[in-house]
């Protein structure tokens, strides 16, 4: 990610050198895209309250038994010793992957819609 940050800063500096009046426009567009990402995330949470990706994941071992409501830095797919709630481990892993993909698609579509409309 550091490469992308450096590229973004260099391009911003280039915009500032060539057309400094466009800096507020760039900031405005970046804020719209960031806001769209948050809105897309909330849309997914609202539409699928019982199928969130984090429901199919377990926290890292050092966090103990409690489920973490924060972002996972080291994600482990659920590893049940026996079926839980009628789900086998491979089904839970598949549902978790599908929920993550669904959320990514919804967030990307929201960002694209706002980006194209702005």
PDB file of N, CA and C in Angstrom:
ATOM      1  N   UNK A   1       0.819  -1.201   0.000  1.00  0.00           N
ATOM      2  CA  UNK A   1       0.000   0.000   0.000  1.00  0.00           C
ATOM      3  C   UNK A   1       0.855   1.252   0.000  1.00  0.00           C
ATOM      4  N   UNK A   2       2.069   1.140   0.497  1.00  0.00           N
ATOM      5  CA  UNK A   2       2.931   2.318   0.544  1.00  0.00           C
ATOM      6  C   UNK A   2       3.202   2.853  -0.865  1.00  0.00           C
ATOM      7  N   UNK A   3       3.331   1.955  -1.829  1.00  0.00           N
ATOM      8  CA  UNK A   3       3.552   2.391  -3.216  1.00  0.00           C
ATOM      9  C   UNK A   3       2.390   3.239  -3.709  1.00  0.00           C
ATOM     10  N   UNK A   4       1.176   2.832  -3.378  1.00  0.00           N
ATOM     11  CA  UNK A   4      -0.012   3.564  -3.827  1.00  0.00           C
ATOM     12  C   UNK A   4      -0.128   4.909  -3.128  1.00  0.00           C
ATOM     13  N   UNK A   5       0.249   4.955  -1.865  1.00  0.00           N
ATOM     14  CA  UNK A   5       0.221   6.228  -1.147  1.00  0.00           C
ATOM     15  C   UNK A   5       1.220   7.202  -1.768  1.00  0.00           C
ATOM     16  N   UNK A   6       2.412   6.704  -2.080  1.00  0.00           N
ATOM     17  CA  UNK A   6       3.429   7.555  -2.702  1.00  0.00           C
ATOM     18  C   UNK A   6       2.941   8.031  -4.079  1.00  0.00           C
ATOM     19  N   UNK A   7       2.359   7.119  -4.864  1.00  0.00           N
ATOM     20  CA  UNK A   7       1.844   7.501  -6.184  1.00  0.00           C
ATOM     21  C   UNK A   7       0.745   8.553  -6.058  1.00  0.00           C
ATOM     22  N   UNK A   8      -0.167   8.363  -5.094  1.00  0.00           N
ATOM     23  CA  UNK A   8      -1.253   9.330  -4.903  1.00  0.00           C
ATOM     24  C   UNK A   8      -0.710  10.690  -4.491  1.00  0.00           C
ATOM     25  N   UNK A   9       0.278  10.701  -3.619  1.00  0.00           N
ATOM     26  CA  UNK A   9       0.868  11.977  -3.198  1.00  0.00           C
ATOM     27  C   UNK A   9       1.594  12.658  -4.349  1.00  0.00           C
ATOM     28  N   UNK A  10       2.317  11.882  -5.157  1.00  0.00           N
ATOM     29  CA  UNK A  10       3.002  12.471  -6.312  1.00  0.00           C
ATOM     30  C   UNK A  10       2.005  13.032  -7.322  1.00  0.00           C
ATOM     31  N   UNK A  11       0.938  12.305  -7.574  1.00  0.00           N
ATOM     32  CA  UNK A  11      -0.078  12.803  -8.508  1.00  0.00           C
ATOM     33  C   UNK A  11      -0.784  14.034  -7.958  1.00  0.00           C
ATOM     34  N   UNK A  12      -1.021  14.053  -6.650  1.00  0.00           N
ATOM     35  CA  UNK A  12      -1.628  15.241  -6.040  1.00  0.00           C
ATOM     36  C   UNK A  12      -0.701  16.448  -6.160  1.00  0.00           C
ATOM     37  N   UNK A  13       0.584  16.219  -5.970  1.00  0.00           N
ATOM     38  CA  UNK A  13       1.550  17.308  -6.126  1.00  0.00           C
ATOM     39  C   UNK A  13       1.585  17.792  -7.574  1.00  0.00           C
ATOM     40  N   UNK A  14       1.457  16.868  -8.509  1.00  0.00           N
ATOM     41  CA  UNK A  14       1.427  17.245  -9.917  1.00  0.00           C
ATOM     42  C   UNK A  14       0.183  18.077 -10.241  1.00  0.00           C
ATOM     43  N   UNK A  15      -0.954  17.679  -9.687  1.00  0.00           N
ATOM     44  CA  UNK A  15      -2.183  18.461  -9.881  1.00  0.00           C
ATOM     45  C   UNK A  15      -2.009  19.844  -9.277  1.00  0.00           C
ATOM     46  N   UNK A  16      -1.411  19.909  -8.105  1.00  0.00           N
ATOM     47  CA  UNK A  16      -1.204  21.201  -7.441  1.00  0.00           C
ATOM     48  C   UNK A  16      -0.303  22.112  -8.270  1.00  0.00           C
ATOM     49  N   UNK A  17       0.736  21.520  -8.905  1.00  0.00           N
ATOM     50  CA  UNK A  17       1.650  22.320  -9.732  1.00  0.00           C
ATOM     51  C   UNK A  17       0.985  22.787 -11.026  1.00  0.00           C
ATOM     52  N   UNK A  18       0.200  21.909 -11.642  1.00  0.00           N
ATOM     53  CA  UNK A  18      -0.389  22.222 -12.937  1.00  0.00           C
ATOM     54  C   UNK A  18      -1.662  23.052 -12.820  1.00  0.00           C
ATOM     55  N   UNK A  19      -2.504  22.723 -11.864  1.00  0.00           N
ATOM     56  CA  UNK A  19      -3.795  23.410 -11.728  1.00  0.00           C
ATOM     57  C   UNK A  19      -4.203  23.431 -10.252  1.00  0.00           C
ATOM     58  N   UNK A  20      -3.643  24.347  -9.479  1.00  0.00           N
ATOM     59  CA  UNK A  20      -3.940  24.371  -8.038  1.00  0.00           C
ATOM     60  C   UNK A  20      -5.412  24.597  -7.725  1.00  0.00           C
ATOM     61  N   UNK A  21      -6.162  25.178  -8.639  1.00  0.00           N
ATOM     62  CA  UNK A  21      -7.583  25.401  -8.392  1.00  0.00           C
ATOM     63  C   UNK A  21      -8.372  24.088  -8.386  1.00  0.00           C
ATOM     64  N   UNK A  22      -7.768  23.001  -8.870  1.00  0.00           N
ATOM     65  CA  UNK A  22      -8.453  21.709  -8.915  1.00  0.00           C
ATOM     66  C   UNK A  22      -8.298  20.897  -7.625  1.00  0.00           C
ATOM     67  N   UNK A  23      -7.455  21.330  -6.703  1.00  0.00           N
ATOM     68  CA  UNK A  23      -7.257  20.601  -5.447  1.00  0.00           C
ATOM     69  C   UNK A  23      -8.562  20.475  -4.659  1.00  0.00           C
ATOM     70  N   UNK A  24      -9.363  21.548  -4.509  1.00  0.00           N
ATOM     71  CA  UNK A  24     -10.644  21.369  -3.795  1.00  0.00           C
ATOM     72  C   UNK A  24     -11.576  20.375  -4.501  1.00  0.00           C
ATOM     73  N   UNK A  25     -11.533  20.340  -5.812  1.00  0.00           N
ATOM     74  CA  UNK A  25     -12.366  19.384  -6.551  1.00  0.00           C
ATOM     75  C   UNK A  25     -11.912  17.955  -6.257  1.00  0.00           C
ATOM     76  N   UNK A  26     -10.592  17.741  -6.229  1.00  0.00           N
ATOM     77  CA  UNK A  26     -10.058  16.413  -5.927  1.00  0.00           C
ATOM     78  C   UNK A  26     -10.438  15.975  -4.518  1.00  0.00           C
ATOM     79  N   UNK A  27     -10.308  16.879  -3.573  1.00  0.00           N
ATOM     80  CA  UNK A  27     -10.685  16.558  -2.186  1.00  0.00           C
ATOM     81  C   UNK A  27     -12.176  16.241  -2.098  1.00  0.00           C
ATOM     82  N   UNK A  28     -12.992  17.017  -2.814  1.00  0.00           N
ATOM     83  CA  UNK A  28     -14.438  16.793  -2.838  1.00  0.00           C
ATOM     84  C   UNK A  28     -14.764  15.403  -3.389  1.00  0.00           C
ATOM     85  N   UNK A  29     -14.130  15.033  -4.494  1.00  0.00           N
ATOM     86  CA  UNK A  29     -14.402  13.730  -5.095  1.00  0.00           C
ATOM     87  C   UNK A  29     -13.918  12.592  -4.212  1.00  0.00           C
ATOM     88  N   UNK A  30     -12.758  12.758  -3.593  1.00  0.00           N
ATOM     89  CA  UNK A  30     -12.268  11.726  -2.676  1.00  0.00           C
ATOM     90  C   UNK A  30     -13.203  11.551  -1.481  1.00  0.00           C
ATOM     91  N   UNK A  31     -13.725  12.653  -0.974  1.00  0.00           N
ATOM     92  CA  UNK A  31     -14.648  12.544   0.167  1.00  0.00           C
ATOM     93  C   UNK A  31     -15.948  11.860  -0.253  1.00  0.00           C
ATOM     94  N   UNK A  32     -16.417  12.123  -1.471  1.00  0.00           N
ATOM     95  CA  UNK A  32     -17.618  11.439  -1.952  1.00  0.00           C
ATOM     96  C   UNK A  32     -17.410   9.937  -2.070  1.00  0.00           C
ATOM     97  N   UNK A  33     -16.269   9.540  -2.595  1.00  0.00           N
ATOM     98  CA  UNK A  33     -15.987   8.108  -2.754  1.00  0.00           C
ATOM     99  C   UNK A  33     -15.854   7.444  -1.383  1.00  0.00           C
ATOM    100  N   UNK A  34     -15.183   8.108  -0.445  1.00  0.00           N
ATOM    101  CA  UNK A  34     -15.042   7.555   0.904  1.00  0.00           C
ATOM    102  C   UNK A  34     -16.409   7.444   1.592  1.00  0.00           C
ATOM    103  N   UNK A  35     -17.232   8.458   1.427  1.00  0.00           N
ATOM    104  CA  UNK A  35     -18.577   8.420   2.004  1.00  0.00           C
ATOM    105  C   UNK A  35     -19.414   7.319   1.357  1.00  0.00           C
ATOM    106  N   UNK A  36     -19.250   7.120   0.062  1.00  0.00           N
ATOM    107  CA  UNK A  36     -19.974   6.050  -0.627  1.00  0.00           C
ATOM    108  C   UNK A  36     -19.553   4.679  -0.103  1.00  0.00           C
ATOM    109  N   UNK A  37     -18.275   4.512   0.219  1.00  0.00           N
ATOM    110  CA  UNK A  37     -17.818   3.236   0.775  1.00  0.00           C
ATOM    111  C   UNK A  37     -18.496   2.952   2.109  1.00  0.00           C
ATOM    112  N   UNK A  38     -18.578   3.967   2.947  1.00  0.00           N
ATOM    113  CA  UNK A  38     -19.250   3.797   4.247  1.00  0.00           C
ATOM    114  C   UNK A  38     -20.731   3.511   4.045  1.00  0.00           C
ATOM    115  N   UNK A  39     -21.367   4.225   3.126  1.00  0.00           N
ATOM    116  CA  UNK A  39     -22.795   3.997   2.845  1.00  0.00           C
ATOM    117  C   UNK A  39     -23.032   2.589   2.303  1.00  0.00           C
ATOM    118  N   UNK A  40     -22.156   2.118   1.429  1.00  0.00           N
ATOM    119  CA  UNK A  40     -22.287   0.760   0.902  1.00  0.00           C
ATOM    120  C   UNK A  40     -22.180  -0.281   1.996  1.00  0.00           C
ATOM    121  N   UNK A  41     -21.271  -0.051   2.930  1.00  0.00           N
ATOM    122  CA  UNK A  41     -21.117  -0.973   4.056  1.00  0.00           C
ATOM    123  C   UNK A  41     -22.393  -1.009   4.907  1.00  0.00           C
ATOM    124  N   UNK A  42     -22.953   0.170   5.163  1.00  0.00           N
ATOM    125  CA  UNK A  42     -24.187   0.226   5.949  1.00  0.00           C
ATOM    126  C   UNK A  42     -25.370  -0.364   5.186  1.00  0.00           C
ATOM    127  N   UNK A  43     -25.400  -0.194   3.881  1.00  0.00           N
ATOM    128  CA  UNK A  43     -26.461  -0.811   3.084  1.00  0.00           C
ATOM    129  C   UNK A  43     -26.392  -2.325   3.235  1.00  0.00           C
ATOM    130  N   UNK A  44     -25.194  -2.888   3.143  1.00  0.00           N
ATOM    131  CA  UNK A  44     -25.044  -4.335   3.305  1.00  0.00           C
ATOM    132  C   UNK A  44     -25.473  -4.776   4.693  1.00  0.00           C
ATOM    133  N   UNK A  45     -25.064  -4.052   5.713  1.00  0.00           N
ATOM    134  CA  UNK A  45     -25.446  -4.419   7.089  1.00  0.00           C
ATOM    135  C   UNK A  45     -26.959  -4.349   7.278  1.00  0.00           C
ATOM    136  N   UNK A  46     -27.602  -3.374   6.635  1.00  0.00           N
ATOM    137  CA  UNK A  46     -29.047  -3.214   6.784  1.00  0.00           C
ATOM    138  C   UNK A  46     -29.831  -4.277   6.015  1.00  0.00           C
ATOM    139  N   UNK A  47     -29.362  -4.597   4.815  1.00  0.00           N
ATOM    140  CA  UNK A  47     -30.072  -5.585   3.995  1.00  0.00           C
ATOM    141  C   UNK A  47     -29.896  -7.009   4.495  1.00  0.00           C
ATOM    142  N   UNK A  48     -28.733  -7.304   5.070  1.00  0.00           N
ATOM    143  CA  UNK A  48     -28.432  -8.669   5.499  1.00  0.00           C
ATOM    144  C   UNK A  48     -27.965  -8.686   6.951  1.00  0.00           C
ATOM    145  N   UNK A  49     -28.859  -8.364   7.900  1.00  0.00           N
ATOM    146  CA  UNK A  49     -28.421  -8.279   9.296  1.00  0.00           C
ATOM    147  C   UNK A  49     -27.999  -9.619   9.895  1.00  0.00           C
ATOM    148  N   UNK A  50     -28.485 -10.722   9.367  1.00  0.00           N
ATOM    149  CA  UNK A  50     -28.160 -12.035   9.925  1.00  0.00           C
ATOM    150  C   UNK A  50     -27.185 -12.810   9.057  1.00  0.00           C
ATOM    151  N   UNK A  51     -26.598 -12.169   8.066  1.00  0.00           N
ATOM    152  CA  UNK A  51     -25.635 -12.849   7.193  1.00  0.00           C
ATOM    153  C   UNK A  51     -24.397 -11.985   7.022  1.00  0.00           C
ATOM    154  N   UNK A  52     -23.889 -11.468   8.127  1.00  0.00           N
ATOM    155  CA  UNK A  52     -22.684 -10.645   8.069  1.00  0.00           C
ATOM    156  C   UNK A  52     -21.466 -11.558   7.975  1.00  0.00           C
ATOM    157  N   UNK A  53     -20.451 -11.130   7.239  1.00  0.00           N
ATOM    158  CA  UNK A  53     -19.266 -11.977   7.085  1.00  0.00           C
ATOM    159  C   UNK A  53     -18.613 -12.353   8.411  1.00  0.00           C
ATOM    160  N   UNK A  54     -18.609 -11.449   9.378  1.00  0.00           N
ATOM    161  CA  UNK A  54     -17.936 -11.743  10.644  1.00  0.00           C
ATOM    162  C   UNK A  54     -18.633 -12.839  11.453  1.00  0.00           C
ATOM    163  N   UNK A  55     -19.885 -13.159  11.135  1.00  0.00           N
ATOM    164  CA  UNK A  55     -20.566 -14.243  11.828  1.00  0.00           C
ATOM    165  C   UNK A  55     -19.966 -15.595  11.486  1.00  0.00           C
ATOM    166  N   UNK A  56     -19.299 -15.687  10.353  1.00  0.00           N
ATOM    167  CA  UNK A  56     -18.746 -16.954   9.905  1.00  0.00           C
ATOM    168  C   UNK A  56     -17.256 -17.070  10.187  1.00  0.00           C
ATOM    169  N   UNK A  57     -16.713 -16.126  10.921  1.00  0.00           N
ATOM    170  CA  UNK A  57     -15.291 -16.117  11.232  1.00  0.00           C
ATOM    171  C   UNK A  57     -15.096 -16.205  12.726  1.00  0.00           C
ATOM    172  N   UNK A  58     -13.937 -16.688  13.117  1.00  0.00           N
ATOM    173  CA  UNK A  58     -13.613 -16.688  14.532  1.00  0.00           C
ATOM    174  C   UNK A  58     -12.431 -15.756  14.750  1.00  0.00           C
ATOM    175  N   UNK A  59     -12.355 -15.155  15.929  1.00  0.00           N
ATOM    176  CA  UNK A  59     -11.240 -14.241  16.192  1.00  0.00           C
ATOM    177  C   UNK A  59      -9.929 -15.015  16.301  1.00  0.00           C
ATOM    178  N   UNK A  60      -8.799 -14.328  16.194  1.00  0.00           N
ATOM    179  CA  UNK A  60      -7.514 -14.996  16.375  1.00  0.00           C
ATOM    180  C   UNK A  60      -7.439 -15.648  17.747  1.00  0.00           C
ATOM    181  N   UNK A  61      -6.655 -16.730  17.892  1.00  0.00           N
ATOM    182  CA  UNK A  61      -6.606 -17.468  19.163  1.00  0.00           C
ATOM    183  C   UNK A  61      -6.255 -16.610  20.369  1.00  0.00           C
ATOM    184  N   UNK A  62      -5.413 -15.597  20.197  1.00  0.00           N
ATOM    185  CA  UNK A  62      -5.007 -14.779  21.343  1.00  0.00           C
ATOM    186  C   UNK A  62      -6.144 -13.935  21.908  1.00  0.00           C
ATOM    187  N   UNK A  63      -7.289 -13.849  21.201  1.00  0.00           N
ATOM    188  CA  UNK A  63      -8.420 -13.066  21.693  1.00  0.00           C
ATOM    189  C   UNK A  63      -9.331 -13.887  22.597  1.00  0.00           C
ATOM    190  N   UNK A  64      -9.080 -15.161  22.727  1.00  0.00           N
ATOM    191  CA  UNK A  64      -9.895 -15.986  23.602  1.00  0.00           C
ATOM    192  C   UNK A  64     -11.198 -16.385  22.957  1.00  0.00           C
ATOM    193  N   UNK A  65     -12.174 -16.714  23.781  1.00  0.00           N
ATOM    194  CA  UNK A  65     -13.456 -17.224  23.304  1.00  0.00           C
ATOM    195  C   UNK A  65     -14.415 -16.125  22.861  1.00  0.00           C
ATOM    196  N   UNK A  66     -14.216 -14.907  23.340  1.00  0.00           N
ATOM    197  CA  UNK A  66     -15.158 -13.823  23.033  1.00  0.00           C
ATOM    198  C   UNK A  66     -15.084 -13.463  21.556  1.00  0.00           C
ATOM    199  N   UNK A  67     -16.232 -13.182  20.974  1.00  0.00           N
ATOM    200  CA  UNK A  67     -16.267 -12.750  19.572  1.00  0.00           C
ATOM    201  C   UNK A  67     -15.889 -11.286  19.518  1.00  0.00           C
ATOM    202  N   UNK A  68     -15.008 -10.963  18.606  1.00  0.00           N
ATOM    203  CA  UNK A  68     -14.554  -9.585  18.471  1.00  0.00           C
ATOM    204  C   UNK A  68     -15.454  -8.848  17.498  1.00  0.00           C
ATOM    205  N   UNK A  69     -15.852  -7.645  17.858  1.00  0.00           N
ATOM    206  CA  UNK A  69     -16.673  -6.820  16.979  1.00  0.00           C
ATOM    207  C   UNK A  69     -15.802  -5.874  16.155  1.00  0.00           C
ATOM    208  N   UNK A  70     -14.500  -5.967  16.327  1.00  0.00           N
ATOM    209  CA  UNK A  70     -13.599  -5.105  15.581  1.00  0.00           C
ATOM    210  C   UNK A  70     -13.082  -5.835  14.358  1.00  0.00           C
ATOM    211  N   UNK A  71     -12.375  -5.115  13.523  1.00  0.00           N
ATOM    212  CA  UNK A  71     -11.808  -5.716  12.314  1.00  0.00           C
ATOM    213  C   UNK A  71     -10.749  -6.736  12.709  1.00  0.00           C
ATOM    214  N   UNK A  72     -10.732  -7.841  12.000  1.00  0.00           N
ATOM    215  CA  UNK A  72      -9.766  -8.889  12.275  1.00  0.00           C
ATOM    216  C   UNK A  72      -8.468  -8.586  11.535  1.00  0.00           C
ATOM    217  N   UNK A  73      -7.353  -8.732  12.233  1.00  0.00           N
ATOM    218  CA  UNK A  73      -6.074  -8.565  11.558  1.00  0.00           C
ATOM    219  C   UNK A  73      -5.594  -9.898  11.016  1.00  0.00           C
ATOM    220  N   UNK A  74      -5.947 -10.970  11.686  1.00  0.00           N
ATOM    221  CA  UNK A  74      -5.562 -12.304  11.241  1.00  0.00           C
ATOM    222  C   UNK A  74      -6.831 -13.150  11.274  1.00  0.00           C
ATOM    223  N   UNK A  75      -7.454 -13.339  10.127  1.00  0.00           N
ATOM    224  CA  UNK A  75      -8.760 -13.986  10.063  1.00  0.00           C
ATOM    225  C   UNK A  75      -8.590 -15.486   9.994  1.00  0.00           C
ATOM    226  N   UNK A  76      -9.363 -16.176  10.801  1.00  0.00           N
ATOM    227  CA  UNK A  76      -9.404 -17.633  10.770  1.00  0.00           C
ATOM    228  C   UNK A  76     -10.816 -18.047  10.419  1.00  0.00           C
ATOM    229  N   UNK A  77     -10.942 -18.971   9.487  1.00  0.00           N
ATOM    230  CA  UNK A  77     -12.262 -19.483   9.167  1.00  0.00           C
ATOM    231  C   UNK A  77     -12.684 -20.389  10.306  1.00  0.00           C
ATOM    232  N   UNK A  78     -13.979 -20.376  10.604  1.00  0.00           N
ATOM    233  CA  UNK A  78     -14.481 -21.205  11.695  1.00  0.00           C
ATOM    234  C   UNK A  78     -14.028 -22.646  11.534  1.00  0.00           C
ATOM    235  N   UNK A  79     -13.590 -23.232  12.621  1.00  0.00           N
ATOM    236  CA  UNK A  79     -13.190 -24.635  12.590  1.00  0.00           C
ATOM    237  C   UNK A  79     -13.962 -25.350  13.693  1.00  0.00           C
ATOM    238  N   UNK A  80     -15.146 -25.824  13.350  1.00  0.00           N
ATOM    239  CA  UNK A  80     -15.995 -26.517  14.307  1.00  0.00           C
ATOM    240  C   UNK A  80     -15.519 -27.949  14.485  1.00  0.00           C
ATOM    241  N   UNK A  81     -15.548 -28.421  15.706  1.00  0.00           N
ATOM    242  CA  UNK A  81     -15.262 -29.833  15.942  1.00  0.00           C
ATOM    243  C   UNK A  81     -16.488 -30.661  15.580  1.00  0.00           C
ATOM    244  N   UNK A  82     -17.655 -30.048  15.717  1.00  0.00           N
ATOM    245  CA  UNK A  82     -18.908 -30.713  15.351  1.00  0.00           C
ATOM    246  C   UNK A  82     -19.824 -29.667  14.733  1.00  0.00           C
ATOM    247  N   UNK A  83     -20.865 -30.086  14.039  1.00  0.00           N
ATOM    248  CA  UNK A  83     -21.756 -29.113  13.406  1.00  0.00           C
ATOM    249  C   UNK A  83     -22.359 -28.140  14.422  1.00  0.00           C
ATOM    250  N   UNK A  84     -22.407 -26.876  14.063  1.00  0.00           N
ATOM    251  CA  UNK A  84     -22.991 -25.849  14.918  1.00  0.00           C
ATOM    252  C   UNK A  84     -24.168 -25.247  14.172  1.00  0.00           C
ATOM    253  N   UNK A  85     -25.323 -25.256  14.781  1.00  0.00           N
ATOM    254  CA  UNK A  85     -26.512 -24.699  14.154  1.00  0.00           C
ATOM    255  C   UNK A  85     -26.847 -25.371  12.836  1.00  0.00           C
ATOM    256  N   UNK A  86     -26.491 -26.638  12.704  1.00  0.00           N
ATOM    257  CA  UNK A  86     -26.786 -27.367  11.487  1.00  0.00           C
ATOM    258  C   UNK A  86     -25.790 -27.123  10.370  1.00  0.00           C
ATOM    259  N   UNK A  87     -24.754 -26.308  10.617  1.00  0.00           N
ATOM    260  CA  UNK A  87     -23.760 -26.009   9.587  1.00  0.00           C
ATOM    261  C   UNK A  87     -22.501 -26.831   9.802  1.00  0.00           C
ATOM    262  N   UNK A  88     -22.056 -27.468   8.763  1.00  0.00           N
ATOM    263  CA  UNK A  88     -20.761 -28.122   8.806  1.00  0.00           C
ATOM    264  C   UNK A  88     -19.682 -27.075   8.588  1.00  0.00           C
ATOM    265  N   UNK A  89     -18.446 -27.337   9.015  1.00  0.00           N
ATOM    266  CA  UNK A  89     -17.386 -26.327   8.870  1.00  0.00           C
ATOM    267  C   UNK A  89     -17.203 -25.846   7.438  1.00  0.00           C
ATOM    268  N   UNK A  90     -17.264 -26.755   6.477  1.00  0.00           N
ATOM    269  CA  UNK A  90     -17.059 -26.331   5.089  1.00  0.00           C
ATOM    270  C   UNK A  90     -18.212 -25.466   4.593  1.00  0.00           C
ATOM    271  N   UNK A  91     -19.430 -25.680   5.121  1.00  0.00           N
ATOM    272  CA  UNK A  91     -20.564 -24.841   4.738  1.00  0.00           C
ATOM    273  C   UNK A  91     -20.423 -23.447   5.344  1.00  0.00           C
ATOM    274  N   UNK A  92     -19.976 -23.391   6.594  1.00  0.00           N
ATOM    275  CA  UNK A  92     -19.777 -22.093   7.241  1.00  0.00           C
ATOM    276  C   UNK A  92     -18.702 -21.299   6.514  1.00  0.00           C
ATOM    277  N   UNK A  93     -17.629 -21.970   6.108  1.00  0.00           N
ATOM    278  CA  UNK A  93     -16.561 -21.287   5.375  1.00  0.00           C
ATOM    279  C   UNK A  93     -17.071 -20.779   4.037  1.00  0.00           C
ATOM    280  N   UNK A  94     -17.873 -21.573   3.354  1.00  0.00           N
ATOM    281  CA  UNK A  94     -18.424 -21.162   2.065  1.00  0.00           C
ATOM    282  C   UNK A  94     -19.376 -19.975   2.231  1.00  0.00           C
ATOM    283  N   UNK A  95     -20.220 -20.009   3.248  1.00  0.00           N
ATOM    284  CA  UNK A  95     -21.131 -18.892   3.502  1.00  0.00           C
ATOM    285  C   UNK A  95     -20.359 -17.631   3.882  1.00  0.00           C
ATOM    286  N   UNK A  96     -19.276 -17.787   4.647  1.00  0.00           N
ATOM    287  CA  UNK A  96     -18.458 -16.636   5.006  1.00  0.00           C
ATOM    288  C   UNK A  96     -17.820 -15.993   3.790  1.00  0.00           C
ATOM    289  N   UNK A  97     -17.309 -16.830   2.889  1.00  0.00           N
ATOM    290  CA  UNK A  97     -16.717 -16.293   1.655  1.00  0.00           C
ATOM    291  C   UNK A  97     -17.766 -15.598   0.797  1.00  0.00           C
ATOM    292  N   UNK A  98     -18.936 -16.206   0.697  1.00  0.00           N
ATOM    293  CA  UNK A  98     -20.009 -15.599  -0.101  1.00  0.00           C
ATOM    294  C   UNK A  98     -20.452 -14.267   0.504  1.00  0.00           C
ATOM    295  N   UNK A  99     -20.529 -14.195   1.828  1.00  0.00           N
ATOM    296  CA  UNK A  99     -20.923 -12.942   2.485  1.00  0.00           C
ATOM    297  C   UNK A  99     -19.879 -11.849   2.267  1.00  0.00           C
ATOM    298  N   UNK A 100     -18.604 -12.226   2.301  1.00  0.00           N
ATOM    299  CA  UNK A 100     -17.549 -11.234   2.045  1.00  0.00           C
ATOM    300  C   UNK A 100     -17.611 -10.735   0.604  1.00  0.00           C
ATOM    301  N   UNK A 101     -17.828 -11.648  -0.331  1.00  0.00           N
ATOM    302  CA  UNK A 101     -17.932 -11.265  -1.736  1.00  0.00           C
ATOM    303  C   UNK A 101     -19.160 -10.383  -1.967  1.00  0.00           C
ATOM    304  N   UNK A 102     -20.279 -10.743  -1.349  1.00  0.00           N
ATOM    305  CA  UNK A 102     -21.501  -9.930  -1.469  1.00  0.00           C
ATOM    306  C   UNK A 102     -21.267  -8.520  -0.958  1.00  0.00           C
ATOM    307  N   UNK A 103     -20.618  -8.404   0.199  1.00  0.00           N
ATOM    308  CA  UNK A 103     -20.355  -7.081   0.767  1.00  0.00           C
ATOM    309  C   UNK A 103     -19.423  -6.283  -0.135  1.00  0.00           C
ATOM    310  N   UNK A 104     -18.401  -6.923  -0.679  1.00  0.00           N
ATOM    311  CA  UNK A 104     -17.474  -6.223  -1.572  1.00  0.00           C
ATOM    312  C   UNK A 104     -18.196  -5.723  -2.822  1.00  0.00           C
ATOM    313  N   UNK A 105     -19.095  -6.523  -3.358  1.00  0.00           N
ATOM    314  CA  UNK A 105     -19.839  -6.116  -4.556  1.00  0.00           C
ATOM    315  C   UNK A 105     -20.762  -4.941  -4.245  1.00  0.00           C
ATOM    316  N   UNK A 106     -21.445  -4.988  -3.120  1.00  0.00           N
ATOM    317  CA  UNK A 106     -22.361  -3.897  -2.751  1.00  0.00           C
ATOM    318  C   UNK A 106     -21.586  -2.602  -2.513  1.00  0.00           C
ATOM    319  N   UNK A 107     -20.464  -2.689  -1.797  1.00  0.00           N
ATOM    320  CA  UNK A 107     -19.664  -1.484  -1.539  1.00  0.00           C
ATOM    321  C   UNK A 107     -19.100  -0.935  -2.846  1.00  0.00           C
ATOM    322  N   UNK A 108     -18.591  -1.822  -3.701  1.00  0.00           N
ATOM    323  CA  UNK A 108     -18.033  -1.364  -4.981  1.00  0.00           C
ATOM    324  C   UNK A 108     -19.108  -0.733  -5.860  1.00  0.00           C
ATOM    325  N   UNK A 109     -20.298  -1.328  -5.889  1.00  0.00           N
ATOM    326  CA  UNK A 109     -21.381  -0.772  -6.703  1.00  0.00           C
ATOM    327  C   UNK A 109     -21.810   0.596  -6.187  1.00  0.00           C
ATOM    328  N   UNK A 110     -21.836   0.755  -4.872  1.00  0.00           N
ATOM    329  CA  UNK A 110     -22.195   2.047  -4.294  1.00  0.00           C
ATOM    330  C   UNK A 110     -21.152   3.102  -4.636  1.00  0.00           C
ATOM    331  N   UNK A 111     -19.883   2.730  -4.523  1.00  0.00           N
ATOM    332  CA  UNK A 111     -18.801   3.660  -4.837  1.00  0.00           C
ATOM    333  C   UNK A 111     -18.826   4.029  -6.320  1.00  0.00           C
ATOM    334  N   UNK A 112     -19.093   3.050  -7.167  1.00  0.00           N
ATOM    335  CA  UNK A 112     -19.147   3.318  -8.607  1.00  0.00           C
ATOM    336  C   UNK A 112     -20.318   4.227  -8.946  1.00  0.00           C
ATOM    337  N   UNK A 113     -21.461   3.983  -8.328  1.00  0.00           N
ATOM    338  CA  UNK A 113     -22.638   4.817  -8.595  1.00  0.00           C
ATOM    339  C   UNK A 113     -22.395   6.263  -8.187  1.00  0.00           C
ATOM    340  N   UNK A 114     -21.799   6.457  -7.024  1.00  0.00           N
ATOM    341  CA  UNK A 114     -21.530   7.823  -6.575  1.00  0.00           C
ATOM    342  C   UNK A 114     -20.442   8.448  -7.445  1.00  0.00           C
ATOM    343  N   UNK A 115     -19.416   7.670  -7.792  1.00  0.00           N
ATOM    344  CA  UNK A 115     -18.337   8.191  -8.620  1.00  0.00           C
ATOM    345  C   UNK A 115     -18.813   8.603 -10.010  1.00  0.00           C
ATOM    346  N   UNK A 116     -19.712   7.845 -10.591  1.00  0.00           N
ATOM    347  CA  UNK A 116     -20.212   8.180 -11.917  1.00  0.00           C
ATOM    348  C   UNK A 116     -21.199   9.347 -11.889  1.00  0.00           C
ATOM    349  N   UNK A 117     -21.869   9.488 -10.754  1.00  0.00           N
ATOM    350  CA  UNK A 117     -22.874  10.547 -10.660  1.00  0.00           C
ATOM    351  C   UNK A 117     -22.308  11.895 -10.233  1.00  0.00           C
ATOM    352  N   UNK A 118     -21.091  11.877  -9.724  1.00  0.00           N
ATOM    353  CA  UNK A 118     -20.512  13.122  -9.178  1.00  0.00           C
ATOM    354  C   UNK A 118     -19.901  13.976 -10.248  1.00  0.00           C
TER     355      UNK A 118
END
